[in-house]
Structure formats: C-alpha cells, structure tokens
Protein backbone atom coordinates (compact mmCIF):
# COMPACT_ATOMS: atom_id res chain seq x y z
CA MET A 1 165.97 167.99 104.80
CA GLY A 2 167.91 169.33 102.51
CA ALA A 3 166.61 166.65 100.07
CA LEU A 4 162.70 167.27 100.84
CA VAL A 5 163.67 170.98 99.87
CA ILE A 6 165.22 170.29 96.69
CA GLY A 7 162.88 167.48 95.57
CA ALA A 8 159.76 169.86 96.60
CA MET A 9 161.34 172.14 94.29
CA ILE A 10 161.68 170.52 90.84
CA GLY A 11 158.36 169.04 92.11
CA PHE A 12 156.46 172.19 92.24
CA GLU A 13 157.91 172.73 88.82
CA ARG A 14 156.30 170.34 87.45
CA THR A 15 153.07 170.51 89.21
CA PHE A 16 152.75 174.36 88.16
CA HIS A 17 152.84 173.04 84.97
CA GLY A 18 150.18 170.19 85.35
CA ARG A 19 152.80 167.22 84.51
CA PRO A 20 151.23 163.70 86.32
CA ALA A 21 154.67 163.64 88.49
CA GLY A 22 154.92 166.57 90.82
CA PHE A 23 155.54 168.26 93.99
CA ARG A 24 155.15 164.87 96.48
CA THR A 25 156.15 162.55 93.56
CA HIS A 26 159.66 164.35 93.11
CA SER A 27 160.16 164.97 96.88
CA LEU A 28 159.54 161.60 98.24
CA VAL A 29 161.60 160.18 95.51
CA CYS A 30 164.98 162.65 96.26
CA VAL A 31 164.03 161.74 100.09
CA ALA A 32 163.85 158.36 99.39
CA SER A 33 167.61 158.00 97.51
CA ALA A 34 169.25 160.28 100.14
CA ILE A 35 167.91 157.55 102.89
CA LEU A 36 169.31 154.69 101.11
CA MET A 37 172.61 156.10 100.25
CA ILE A 38 172.83 157.18 104.53
CA VAL A 39 171.78 153.90 105.42
CA THR A 40 174.72 152.49 103.40
CA VAL A 41 177.43 155.27 103.18
CA TYR A 42 176.96 155.21 107.43
CA GLN A 43 176.58 151.10 107.35
CA HIS A 44 179.63 150.83 109.97
CA GLN A 45 177.44 152.50 112.76
CA TRP A 46 174.14 150.13 111.94
CA MET A 47 176.09 146.96 111.71
CA THR A 48 177.65 146.59 114.96
CA PHE A 49 176.71 142.97 115.04
CA LEU A 50 179.60 142.15 112.91
CA GLU A 51 183.21 142.20 113.25
CA HIS A 52 184.31 145.98 111.96
CA ASP A 53 185.66 144.19 108.41
CA ALA A 54 183.62 141.28 107.91
CA ILE A 55 181.00 142.79 105.63
CA ARG A 56 181.10 145.89 103.72
CA THR A 57 178.26 147.23 101.11
CA ASP A 58 179.48 149.41 98.37
CA PRO A 59 177.63 152.70 98.27
CA THR A 60 177.85 153.35 94.22
CA ARG A 61 176.25 149.74 93.63
CA MET A 62 172.97 151.11 96.34
CA ALA A 63 173.41 154.10 93.87
CA GLN A 64 173.34 151.59 90.82
CA GLY A 65 170.34 150.37 92.54
CA ILE A 66 168.25 153.55 92.93
CA MET A 67 168.72 154.99 89.60
CA THR A 68 167.46 151.60 88.08
CA GLY A 69 164.23 151.60 89.57
CA ILE A 70 163.66 155.33 89.32
CA GLY A 71 164.14 154.25 85.56
CA PHE A 72 160.93 151.62 86.34
CA LEU A 73 159.27 154.84 88.04
CA GLY A 74 160.38 157.04 85.18
CA ALA A 75 158.93 155.25 82.31
CA GLY A 76 155.16 154.99 84.02
CA VAL A 77 155.01 158.72 83.36
CA ILE A 78 155.48 158.31 79.96
CA PHE A 79 153.11 157.39 77.65
CA LYS A 80 152.28 158.06 73.29
CA GLU A 81 149.50 160.63 72.41
CA GLY A 82 148.62 160.70 68.75
CA LEU A 83 152.04 161.33 67.14
CA THR A 84 153.82 162.13 70.29
CA LEU A 85 155.30 161.04 72.82
CA ARG A 86 154.42 162.89 76.47
CA GLY A 87 156.21 162.41 79.72
CA LEU A 88 159.81 162.38 78.75
CA THR A 89 160.82 165.58 80.95
CA THR A 90 158.95 164.53 83.91
CA ALA A 91 160.60 161.00 83.40
CA ALA A 92 164.11 162.52 83.27
CA SER A 93 163.24 165.15 86.03
CA ILE A 94 162.46 162.26 88.27
CA TRP A 95 165.76 160.52 87.29
CA VAL A 96 167.83 163.70 88.50
CA THR A 97 165.89 164.35 91.08
CA ALA A 98 167.00 160.74 92.43
CA ALA A 99 170.71 161.51 91.58
CA ILE A 100 170.39 164.61 93.83
CA GLY A 101 169.17 162.66 96.56
CA ILE A 102 171.68 160.32 96.17
CA LEU A 103 174.44 163.61 96.15
CA VAL A 104 172.73 164.97 99.63
CA GLY A 105 172.53 161.22 100.85
CA ILE A 106 176.40 160.87 100.61
CA GLY A 107 177.15 164.60 101.62
CA PHE A 108 177.80 166.55 99.16
CA TRP A 109 176.09 168.74 99.22
CA PHE A 110 177.68 171.58 96.70
CA ALA A 111 176.98 169.40 93.76
CA ALA A 112 173.41 168.74 95.01
CA ALA A 113 172.79 172.10 95.16
CA VAL A 114 174.47 173.21 91.88
CA GLY A 115 172.47 170.26 90.38
CA ALA A 116 169.50 171.64 91.58
CA LEU A 117 170.14 174.78 90.42
CA ALA A 118 170.69 173.11 87.14
CA THR A 119 168.00 171.18 86.84
CA LEU A 120 165.63 174.08 87.95
CA ILE A 121 167.06 176.29 85.43
CA VAL A 122 166.15 173.85 82.39
CA LEU A 123 163.04 173.04 83.74
CA ALA A 124 161.87 176.70 83.47
CA LEU A 125 163.94 178.25 81.41
CA PHE A 126 164.75 176.61 78.59
CA ARG A 127 160.81 175.77 77.99
CA HIS A 128 160.92 179.71 77.15
CA ILE A 129 163.80 179.06 74.62
CA GLU A 130 162.39 175.72 73.31
CA ALA A 131 158.88 177.32 72.45
CA ARG A 132 160.86 179.77 70.60
CA LEU A 133 162.67 177.05 68.48
CA PRO A 134 161.36 176.41 64.84
CA THR A 135 160.69 172.40 65.10
CA GLU A 136 160.19 170.27 62.06
CA PHE A 137 157.07 168.00 61.85
CA TYR A 138 157.01 164.59 60.36
CA ALA A 139 154.21 162.38 59.38
CA HIS A 140 153.94 159.26 57.23
CA HIS A 141 152.19 159.40 54.55
CA MET A 142 150.37 156.27 52.18
CA LEU A 143 148.96 156.94 48.92
CA ARG A 144 147.33 154.30 47.15
CA PHE A 145 146.88 153.92 43.18
CA ALA A 146 145.49 151.62 40.83
CA ARG A 147 148.27 150.15 38.87
CA ASP A 148 147.34 151.92 35.56
CA ARG A 149 146.56 155.24 37.18
CA VAL A 150 149.72 155.79 39.00
CA MET A 151 150.87 159.70 39.49
CA GLY A 152 154.05 160.35 38.70
CA GLU A 153 156.73 161.11 41.14
CA SER A 154 157.70 164.81 40.49
CA GLU A 155 153.14 164.84 40.29
CA VAL A 156 153.20 163.36 44.04
CA HIS A 157 155.60 166.05 45.07
CA LYS A 158 153.98 169.02 43.52
CA MET A 159 150.61 167.43 44.92
CA ILE A 160 152.07 167.76 48.49
CA GLY A 161 153.67 170.83 47.78
CA ALA A 162 150.63 172.53 46.83
CA HIS A 163 149.51 171.36 50.60
CA GLY A 164 152.42 173.41 52.13
CA PHE A 165 154.44 170.33 53.01
CA THR A 166 157.89 168.63 51.75
CA ILE A 167 158.43 165.14 51.23
CA ALA A 168 161.75 163.72 53.43
CA ASN A 169 161.34 160.33 51.77
CA LEU A 170 159.62 158.69 48.86
CA SER A 171 159.09 155.31 48.37
CA SER A 172 156.10 153.03 46.24
CA ARG A 173 155.91 149.17 46.24
CA LEU A 174 152.86 147.12 44.27
CA SER A 175 150.23 145.51 46.48
CA GLU A 176 147.62 143.25 46.41
CA ALA A 177 148.99 140.89 43.80
CA GLY A 178 150.75 144.38 41.94
CA SER A 179 147.04 145.81 41.37
CA SER A 180 147.91 148.25 43.32
CA LEU A 181 150.88 150.51 43.91
CA ASN A 182 151.52 152.36 47.53
CA THR A 183 153.42 155.26 47.27
CA ALA A 184 154.83 156.68 51.23
C-alpha cells in the first residue's frame, strides 16, 4: 500500500503538469518494483519445495533488473521537439519511483519516505527555481559565401551581434569544389 501511495504522489505531480507518464504509470512502477523485491526478499517462504539452502537468489540482482527494465520505459517518454529534448525529467521520475518501490519492497521505509519527499521537492519546488535561472540557448548557424565575396570574421561577428547573439565557435570550410566558403 505504501508503494501505491508514494507512486501516486509522484505521478500526481507529473499528471498535474501534463507530462506523458503520470499518476497511473508512476503508481504501477512503484507497486511493481515493491512486489518484485518482496518476492525476492521473502523467497524462503514461498520456495518451500526446495531444501532450505539449495537455491538462493540475490535481491540485488532483482533490483538491478528492475532498474534496467525501467530504463527502457523511461526511454519511451523522451523525445526530440525542435532543438530541445522533452521527457527527461519524467524519465528520471519514473526511474526514482522504481528505486523507491525497491526500498518499500525490502522494508526500508525511512529511506523510501525520504526519497519520496526529496523527489517531490525536486519536481515541485525546483521547477520554480529553474524558471528563475538564466539560461543560454545554442543554435548552429551556417553562412555560405561565394569564394570571391567572403565576409571577414570581424564582419560576421558584427552582423551576428547586431541581432543580439554572440558566437561561441566559428569555423570555415571550402565546399562545392572550392567555389564557396561555409562558415559555421
């Protein structure tokens, strides 16, 4: 039940902000992670048909398997939109929700509660901090000049600066069998 509540809280924040994986997805990820870890941690109770020490599974291998599988789920919510990537935070929230589910499954309630609180703080509070931070945008721009009409480097800097931009890197190369110069 704890995994369901924690997953739902994290998922609610994602749903509230219109993200692709939300309330139900995060709830299911947390519950599934907890169930898989419970099955592994308490294997001695359900593997009664074997001698006591005949087979012993390693709970850390189950945790590794969960986290690897969740990586594929997280990759499914990441997509490129124009010059930006979207879904990275949602993918990370799915991943941390699985980790919290693992903590619940092995009975580390305090760590799970702290992880859930930290996750909610990052998702809710850090959004406001991030909105106030200055950001830089980078774009790749290419200029093509006929070889006999090449603009000098200082002129390119002035022209780009006149539009409110600065140049981080400038390189030039000949193209079209040397008949034009590309500056990027």
